[in-house]
């Protein structure tokens, strides 16, 4: 995997990645028509991001603005 500044492989769960931007995001593989990867914010599970690649997910995490 290419080194991404805000995404790293989870040390606790196989096939899961962790993203960092305004909190922690769980990134899991998906077979949805929205994309191959789904990120869910751990503090607000209603916030989700979808992307086709982890590189695209990294860019979406960088550009997202989370407000409580």
PDB file of N, CA and C in Angstrom:
ATOM      1  N   UNK A   1       0.835  -1.177   0.000  1.00  0.00           N
ATOM      2  CA  UNK A   1       0.000   0.000   0.000  1.00  0.00           C
ATOM      3  C   UNK A   1       0.884   1.246   0.000  1.00  0.00           C
ATOM      4  N   UNK A   2       0.493   2.197  -0.780  1.00  0.00           N
ATOM      5  CA  UNK A   2       1.183   3.475  -0.824  1.00  0.00           C
ATOM      6  C   UNK A   2       1.022   4.181   0.523  1.00  0.00           C
ATOM      7  N   UNK A   3       2.066   4.856   0.962  1.00  0.00           N
ATOM      8  CA  UNK A   3       2.029   5.550   2.249  1.00  0.00           C
ATOM      9  C   UNK A   3       1.114   6.773   2.165  1.00  0.00           C
ATOM     10  N   UNK A   4       0.104   6.796   3.017  1.00  0.00           N
ATOM     11  CA  UNK A   4      -0.834   7.912   3.067  1.00  0.00           C
ATOM     12  C   UNK A   4      -0.698   8.612   4.410  1.00  0.00           C
ATOM     13  N   UNK A   5      -0.715   9.927   4.403  1.00  0.00           N
ATOM     14  CA  UNK A   5      -0.428  10.691   5.621  1.00  0.00           C
ATOM     15  C   UNK A   5      -1.507  10.557   6.689  1.00  0.00           C
ATOM     16  N   UNK A   6      -2.762  10.334   6.299  1.00  0.00           N
ATOM     17  CA  UNK A   6      -3.835  10.308   7.292  1.00  0.00           C
ATOM     18  C   UNK A   6      -4.570   8.968   7.378  1.00  0.00           C
ATOM     19  N   UNK A   7      -4.023   7.929   6.758  1.00  0.00           N
ATOM     20  CA  UNK A   7      -4.627   6.591   6.819  1.00  0.00           C
ATOM     21  C   UNK A   7      -3.531   5.583   7.145  1.00  0.00           C
ATOM     22  N   UNK A   8      -3.839   4.705   8.094  1.00  0.00           N
ATOM     23  CA  UNK A   8      -2.892   3.638   8.420  1.00  0.00           C
ATOM     24  C   UNK A   8      -3.654   2.341   8.654  1.00  0.00           C
ATOM     25  N   UNK A   9      -2.967   1.230   8.487  1.00  0.00           N
ATOM     26  CA  UNK A   9      -3.563  -0.090   8.699  1.00  0.00           C
ATOM     27  C   UNK A   9      -3.822  -0.291  10.191  1.00  0.00           C
ATOM     28  N   UNK A  10      -4.975  -0.824  10.519  1.00  0.00           N
ATOM     29  CA  UNK A  10      -5.324  -1.076  11.912  1.00  0.00           C
ATOM     30  C   UNK A  10      -4.463  -2.205  12.466  1.00  0.00           C
ATOM     31  N   UNK A  11      -4.000  -2.024  13.673  1.00  0.00           N
ATOM     32  CA  UNK A  11      -3.204  -3.060  14.332  1.00  0.00           C
ATOM     33  C   UNK A  11      -4.082  -4.044  15.094  1.00  0.00           C
ATOM     34  N   UNK A  12      -5.372  -3.748  15.210  1.00  0.00           N
ATOM     35  CA  UNK A  12      -6.277  -4.577  15.998  1.00  0.00           C
ATOM     36  C   UNK A  12      -7.234  -5.410  15.152  1.00  0.00           C
ATOM     37  N   UNK A  13      -7.644  -4.874  14.003  1.00  0.00           N
ATOM     38  CA  UNK A  13      -8.619  -5.571  13.171  1.00  0.00           C
ATOM     39  C   UNK A  13      -8.048  -5.830  11.784  1.00  0.00           C
ATOM     40  N   UNK A  14      -8.132  -7.062  11.353  1.00  0.00           N
ATOM     41  CA  UNK A  14      -7.654  -7.438  10.030  1.00  0.00           C
ATOM     42  C   UNK A  14      -8.564  -6.792   8.975  1.00  0.00           C
ATOM     43  N   UNK A  15      -7.987  -6.382   7.867  1.00  0.00           N
ATOM     44  CA  UNK A  15      -8.717  -5.781   6.749  1.00  0.00           C
ATOM     45  C   UNK A  15      -9.428  -4.480   7.109  1.00  0.00           C
ATOM     46  N   UNK A  16      -8.897  -3.754   8.057  1.00  0.00           N
ATOM     47  CA  UNK A  16      -9.484  -2.471   8.455  1.00  0.00           C
ATOM     48  C   UNK A  16      -8.379  -1.419   8.493  1.00  0.00           C
ATOM     49  N   UNK A  17      -8.750  -0.209   8.145  1.00  0.00           N
ATOM     50  CA  UNK A  17      -7.823   0.913   8.184  1.00  0.00           C
ATOM     51  C   UNK A  17      -8.384   1.982   9.116  1.00  0.00           C
ATOM     52  N   UNK A  18      -7.516   2.839   9.595  1.00  0.00           N
ATOM     53  CA  UNK A  18      -7.903   3.936  10.475  1.00  0.00           C
ATOM     54  C   UNK A  18      -7.521   5.239   9.788  1.00  0.00           C
ATOM     55  N   UNK A  19      -8.476   6.177   9.746  1.00  0.00           N
ATOM     56  CA  UNK A  19      -8.227   7.485   9.164  1.00  0.00           C
ATOM     57  C   UNK A  19      -8.297   8.556  10.240  1.00  0.00           C
ATOM     58  N   UNK A  20      -7.525   9.613  10.046  1.00  0.00           N
ATOM     59  CA  UNK A  20      -7.475  10.689  11.029  1.00  0.00           C
ATOM     60  C   UNK A  20      -7.802  12.019  10.360  1.00  0.00           C
ATOM     61  N   UNK A  21      -8.844  12.666  10.806  1.00  0.00           N
ATOM     62  CA  UNK A  21      -9.209  14.025  10.424  1.00  0.00           C
ATOM     63  C   UNK A  21     -10.412  14.394  11.279  1.00  0.00           C
ATOM     64  N   UNK A  22     -10.231  15.348  12.181  1.00  0.00           N
ATOM     65  CA  UNK A  22     -11.315  15.740  13.087  1.00  0.00           C
ATOM     66  C   UNK A  22     -11.871  14.525  13.825  1.00  0.00           C
ATOM     67  N   UNK A  23     -11.003  13.715  14.358  1.00  0.00           N
ATOM     68  CA  UNK A  23     -11.404  12.497  15.052  1.00  0.00           C
ATOM     69  C   UNK A  23     -10.859  11.284  14.331  1.00  0.00           C
ATOM     70  N   UNK A  24     -11.399  10.150  14.672  1.00  0.00           N
ATOM     71  CA  UNK A  24     -10.935   8.874  14.112  1.00  0.00           C
ATOM     72  C   UNK A  24     -12.034   8.310  13.212  1.00  0.00           C
ATOM     73  N   UNK A  25     -11.625   7.787  12.073  1.00  0.00           N
ATOM     74  CA  UNK A  25     -12.540   7.180  11.110  1.00  0.00           C
ATOM     75  C   UNK A  25     -12.159   5.722  10.916  1.00  0.00           C
ATOM     76  N   UNK A  26     -13.147   4.830  10.976  1.00  0.00           N
ATOM     77  CA  UNK A  26     -12.932   3.415  10.654  1.00  0.00           C
ATOM     78  C   UNK A  26     -13.176   3.244   9.166  1.00  0.00           C
ATOM     79  N   UNK A  27     -12.208   2.662   8.478  1.00  0.00           N
ATOM     80  CA  UNK A  27     -12.306   2.489   7.030  1.00  0.00           C
ATOM     81  C   UNK A  27     -12.350   0.997   6.728  1.00  0.00           C
ATOM     82  N   UNK A  28     -13.437   0.581   6.094  1.00  0.00           N
ATOM     83  CA  UNK A  28     -13.656  -0.828   5.780  1.00  0.00           C
ATOM     84  C   UNK A  28     -13.916  -1.006   4.293  1.00  0.00           C
ATOM     85  N   UNK A  29     -13.570  -2.167   3.791  1.00  0.00           N
ATOM     86  CA  UNK A  29     -13.857  -2.501   2.399  1.00  0.00           C
ATOM     87  C   UNK A  29     -15.355  -2.695   2.248  1.00  0.00           C
ATOM     88  N   UNK A  30     -15.869  -2.317   1.095  1.00  0.00           N
ATOM     89  CA  UNK A  30     -17.297  -2.395   0.843  1.00  0.00           C
ATOM     90  C   UNK A  30     -17.540  -2.908  -0.569  1.00  0.00           C
ATOM     91  N   UNK A  31     -18.698  -3.467  -0.811  1.00  0.00           N
ATOM     92  CA  UNK A  31     -19.072  -3.861  -2.168  1.00  0.00           C
ATOM     93  C   UNK A  31     -20.277  -3.042  -2.631  1.00  0.00           C
ATOM     94  N   UNK A  32     -20.394  -1.832  -2.123  1.00  0.00           N
ATOM     95  CA  UNK A  32     -21.500  -0.944  -2.443  1.00  0.00           C
ATOM     96  C   UNK A  32     -21.299  -0.277  -3.794  1.00  0.00           C
ATOM     97  N   UNK A  33     -22.379   0.203  -4.361  1.00  0.00           N
ATOM     98  CA  UNK A  33     -22.288   0.959  -5.621  1.00  0.00           C
ATOM     99  C   UNK A  33     -21.750   2.366  -5.389  1.00  0.00           C
ATOM    100  N   UNK A  34     -21.638   2.785  -4.112  1.00  0.00           N
ATOM    101  CA  UNK A  34     -21.080   4.102  -3.794  1.00  0.00           C
ATOM    102  C   UNK A  34     -19.557   4.102  -3.852  1.00  0.00           C
ATOM    103  N   UNK A  35     -18.950   2.962  -3.647  1.00  0.00           N
ATOM    104  CA  UNK A  35     -17.493   2.880  -3.680  1.00  0.00           C
ATOM    105  C   UNK A  35     -16.984   1.622  -3.012  1.00  0.00           C
ATOM    106  N   UNK A  36     -15.688   1.358  -3.172  1.00  0.00           N
ATOM    107  CA  UNK A  36     -15.071   0.159  -2.606  1.00  0.00           C
ATOM    108  C   UNK A  36     -14.678   0.323  -1.148  1.00  0.00           C
ATOM    109  N   UNK A  37     -14.606   1.569  -0.651  1.00  0.00           N
ATOM    110  CA  UNK A  37     -14.190   1.831   0.721  1.00  0.00           C
ATOM    111  C   UNK A  37     -15.209   2.732   1.400  1.00  0.00           C
ATOM    112  N   UNK A  38     -15.507   2.421   2.672  1.00  0.00           N
ATOM    113  CA  UNK A  38     -16.453   3.216   3.457  1.00  0.00           C
ATOM    114  C   UNK A  38     -15.772   3.639   4.745  1.00  0.00           C
ATOM    115  N   UNK A  39     -15.806   4.935   5.030  1.00  0.00           N
ATOM    116  CA  UNK A  39     -15.246   5.456   6.279  1.00  0.00           C
ATOM    117  C   UNK A  39     -16.393   5.937   7.155  1.00  0.00           C
ATOM    118  N   UNK A  40     -16.376   5.540   8.419  1.00  0.00           N
ATOM    119  CA  UNK A  40     -17.388   5.941   9.383  1.00  0.00           C
ATOM    120  C   UNK A  40     -16.701   6.652  10.536  1.00  0.00           C
ATOM    121  N   UNK A  41     -17.195   7.835  10.879  1.00  0.00           N
ATOM    122  CA  UNK A  41     -16.637   8.587  11.986  1.00  0.00           C
ATOM    123  C   UNK A  41     -16.993   7.887  13.290  1.00  0.00           C
ATOM    124  N   UNK A  42     -16.032   7.721  14.182  1.00  0.00           N
ATOM    125  CA  UNK A  42     -16.286   6.976  15.423  1.00  0.00           C
ATOM    126  C   UNK A  42     -17.091   7.787  16.438  1.00  0.00           C
ATOM    127  N   UNK A  43     -17.023   9.118  16.382  1.00  0.00           N
ATOM    128  CA  UNK A  43     -17.795   9.919  17.338  1.00  0.00           C
ATOM    129  C   UNK A  43     -19.211  10.189  16.846  1.00  0.00           C
ATOM    130  N   UNK A  44     -19.430  10.129  15.543  1.00  0.00           N
ATOM    131  CA  UNK A  44     -20.757  10.316  14.966  1.00  0.00           C
ATOM    132  C   UNK A  44     -20.930   9.319  13.825  1.00  0.00           C
ATOM    133  N   UNK A  45     -21.484   8.142  14.106  1.00  0.00           N
ATOM    134  CA  UNK A  45     -21.592   7.087  13.091  1.00  0.00           C
ATOM    135  C   UNK A  45     -22.460   7.455  11.890  1.00  0.00           C
ATOM    136  N   UNK A  46     -23.229   8.543  11.987  1.00  0.00           N
ATOM    137  CA  UNK A  46     -24.046   8.971  10.848  1.00  0.00           C
ATOM    138  C   UNK A  46     -23.207   9.636   9.769  1.00  0.00           C
ATOM    139  N   UNK A  47     -21.983  10.041  10.106  1.00  0.00           N
ATOM    140  CA  UNK A  47     -21.081  10.625   9.120  1.00  0.00           C
ATOM    141  C   UNK A  47     -20.328   9.510   8.412  1.00  0.00           C
ATOM    142  N   UNK A  48     -20.534   9.412   7.098  1.00  0.00           N
ATOM    143  CA  UNK A  48     -19.859   8.381   6.321  1.00  0.00           C
ATOM    144  C   UNK A  48     -19.302   8.981   5.043  1.00  0.00           C
ATOM    145  N   UNK A  49     -18.171   8.466   4.627  1.00  0.00           N
ATOM    146  CA  UNK A  49     -17.556   8.831   3.357  1.00  0.00           C
ATOM    147  C   UNK A  49     -17.383   7.568   2.523  1.00  0.00           C
ATOM    148  N   UNK A  50     -17.526   7.713   1.217  1.00  0.00           N
ATOM    149  CA  UNK A  50     -17.356   6.593   0.296  1.00  0.00           C
ATOM    150  C   UNK A  50     -16.306   6.956  -0.733  1.00  0.00           C
ATOM    151  N   UNK A  51     -15.483   6.000  -1.118  1.00  0.00           N
ATOM    152  CA  UNK A  51     -14.459   6.242  -2.141  1.00  0.00           C
ATOM    153  C   UNK A  51     -14.127   4.940  -2.852  1.00  0.00           C
ATOM    154  N   UNK A  52     -13.599   5.066  -4.079  1.00  0.00           N
ATOM    155  CA  UNK A  52     -13.227   3.889  -4.850  1.00  0.00           C
ATOM    156  C   UNK A  52     -11.843   3.381  -4.478  1.00  0.00           C
ATOM    157  N   UNK A  53     -10.943   4.271  -4.035  1.00  0.00           N
ATOM    158  CA  UNK A  53      -9.588   3.857  -3.661  1.00  0.00           C
ATOM    159  C   UNK A  53      -9.225   4.496  -2.322  1.00  0.00           C
ATOM    160  N   UNK A  54      -8.207   3.953  -1.667  1.00  0.00           N
ATOM    161  CA  UNK A  54      -7.743   4.552  -0.416  1.00  0.00           C
ATOM    162  C   UNK A  54      -7.115   5.921  -0.654  1.00  0.00           C
ATOM    163  N   UNK A  55      -6.487   6.122  -1.810  1.00  0.00           N
ATOM    164  CA  UNK A  55      -5.926   7.428  -2.135  1.00  0.00           C
ATOM    165  C   UNK A  55      -7.035   8.483  -2.219  1.00  0.00           C
ATOM    166  N   UNK A  56      -8.141   8.109  -2.855  1.00  0.00           N
ATOM    167  CA  UNK A  56      -9.298   9.008  -2.952  1.00  0.00           C
ATOM    168  C   UNK A  56      -9.894   9.253  -1.568  1.00  0.00           C
ATOM    169  N   UNK A  57      -9.937   8.213  -0.729  1.00  0.00           N
ATOM    170  CA  UNK A  57     -10.452   8.363   0.634  1.00  0.00           C
ATOM    171  C   UNK A  57      -9.578   9.324   1.428  1.00  0.00           C
ATOM    172  N   UNK A  58      -8.278   9.239   1.247  1.00  0.00           N
ATOM    173  CA  UNK A  58      -7.361  10.134   1.938  1.00  0.00           C
ATOM    174  C   UNK A  58      -7.650  11.587   1.575  1.00  0.00           C
ATOM    175  N   UNK A  59      -7.869  11.856   0.301  1.00  0.00           N
ATOM    176  CA  UNK A  59      -8.191  13.213  -0.144  1.00  0.00           C
ATOM    177  C   UNK A  59      -9.530  13.682   0.417  1.00  0.00           C
ATOM    178  N   UNK A  60     -10.514  12.780   0.466  1.00  0.00           N
ATOM    179  CA  UNK A  60     -11.825  13.160   1.017  1.00  0.00           C
ATOM    180  C   UNK A  60     -11.727  13.457   2.506  1.00  0.00           C
ATOM    181  N   UNK A  61     -10.925  12.678   3.229  1.00  0.00           N
ATOM    182  CA  UNK A  61     -10.741  12.946   4.653  1.00  0.00           C
ATOM    183  C   UNK A  61     -10.070  14.300   4.873  1.00  0.00           C
ATOM    184  N   UNK A  62      -9.100  14.638   4.032  1.00  0.00           N
ATOM    185  CA  UNK A  62      -8.421  15.924   4.166  1.00  0.00           C
ATOM    186  C   UNK A  62      -9.367  17.095   3.923  1.00  0.00           C
ATOM    187  N   UNK A  63     -10.313  16.919   3.022  1.00  0.00           N
ATOM    188  CA  UNK A  63     -11.190  18.035   2.659  1.00  0.00           C
ATOM    189  C   UNK A  63     -12.478  18.098   3.480  1.00  0.00           C
ATOM    190  N   UNK A  64     -12.761  17.076   4.273  1.00  0.00           N
ATOM    191  CA  UNK A  64     -14.018  17.082   5.022  1.00  0.00           C
ATOM    192  C   UNK A  64     -13.941  18.073   6.178  1.00  0.00           C
ATOM    193  N   UNK A  65     -15.069  18.686   6.464  1.00  0.00           N
ATOM    194  CA  UNK A  65     -15.168  19.637   7.574  1.00  0.00           C
ATOM    195  C   UNK A  65     -16.220  19.102   8.532  1.00  0.00           C
ATOM    196  N   UNK A  66     -15.808  18.711   9.694  1.00  0.00           N
ATOM    197  CA  UNK A  66     -16.712  18.125  10.689  1.00  0.00           C
ATOM    198  C   UNK A  66     -17.062  19.162  11.725  1.00  0.00           C
ATOM    199  N   UNK A  67     -18.359  19.384  11.928  1.00  0.00           N
ATOM    200  CA  UNK A  67     -18.819  20.330  12.939  1.00  0.00           C
ATOM    201  C   UNK A  67     -19.761  19.609  13.897  1.00  0.00           C
ATOM    202  N   UNK A  68     -19.585  19.832  15.173  1.00  0.00           N
ATOM    203  CA  UNK A  68     -20.466  19.208  16.163  1.00  0.00           C
ATOM    204  C   UNK A  68     -21.664  20.065  16.412  1.00  0.00           C
TER     205      UNK A  68
END
